Amino acid sequence: MSNSTFSSTPELQVAQRGAALWLTITREERRNAMSHAVLAGMAQAIEQAQDLRDIRAIVVTGAGEKAFCAGADLQSANAFTTDYSEPRGHLARLLRVARASHVPLIARVNGACMAGGMGLMSMCDMAVAARHAVFGLPEVKVGVFPAQVLSVLQHLIPRRALVEMCLTGEPITSAQALEMGLVNYVDDDVDAKLDWLLARLLDKSPAAIRRGLYTLKSVESMAFEESMSFTESQIALFTLTEDAKEGQKAFQEKRKPNWVGH
């Protein structure tokens, strides 16, 4: 698959590296603050990736080492919206697209992750952070409040910590983020840790991960009995895939499986 399937812009680099699609915000001079073009480009790339079986993971990151994403660009006249008559904004659309993705998203937090940047990080299924990264919801400092971000963040961290971050606007360290479960790993070498995590993901069954992520996301908002009814039918469908047959055969023959991905 060539990179020509995807289109980059001056503000968002979209590039396939092996089995991973990298989405890199390239607004380093603005601390990788979000623009409407960045959000629209990310949503489009994630949607396109759903139908490409050779893309097994999506990495979301920012250029440079100082910032992952500083949130909305407060220098812009339309930092939070472009059209008050439009009920669905660009950030909300991106968060919806990420939620619907059956390709795992991994945040590579290379620096400051603030405000709307917390939304980009939280919409991802996993996150690896550089040790110098900091995390915060500083919206109250400019007279607004985290809104769409809460939809993807509120279930990731303890309620008390969430409320403190929202009401004080003060940042936390990468060590604190790790302790409260906001990120999976913190490392001095964020790329080495990301490669390690990708390797542990990419050698597993593509079919199981694709259908499994669908199942994981579906049951999150279900009541217990609804969840049980859904999952007891899902497990039967898992076993019908070629990957499931190959996985069991490889286990019995004590060899590594050769995944076909369907």
Foldseek 3Di string as FASTA:
>chain_A
DAPVLADADCQWDWHDDFQEIETEGEPVVQLSEDDLVSLVRLLVVLVSVQPPLSRQEYEQAYPDQAHRYAYFRPVDPQRPADDPVDPDGSLNSSLVSLLPGLRAYEYLTRHEQEQVSLQVHLSGPAYEYEQRHKYAYQVVVVPDFRDSSCVRPVVQFDPVVVVCRGPVRDIDGPVVCCVRRVHPYYYNDSVVVVVVVVVVRVLAALQCSSLVSVLVSVCPPDDDVVNVVVVVVSVVVVCPDPRNVQVVVCVVVVHRGDHPRD
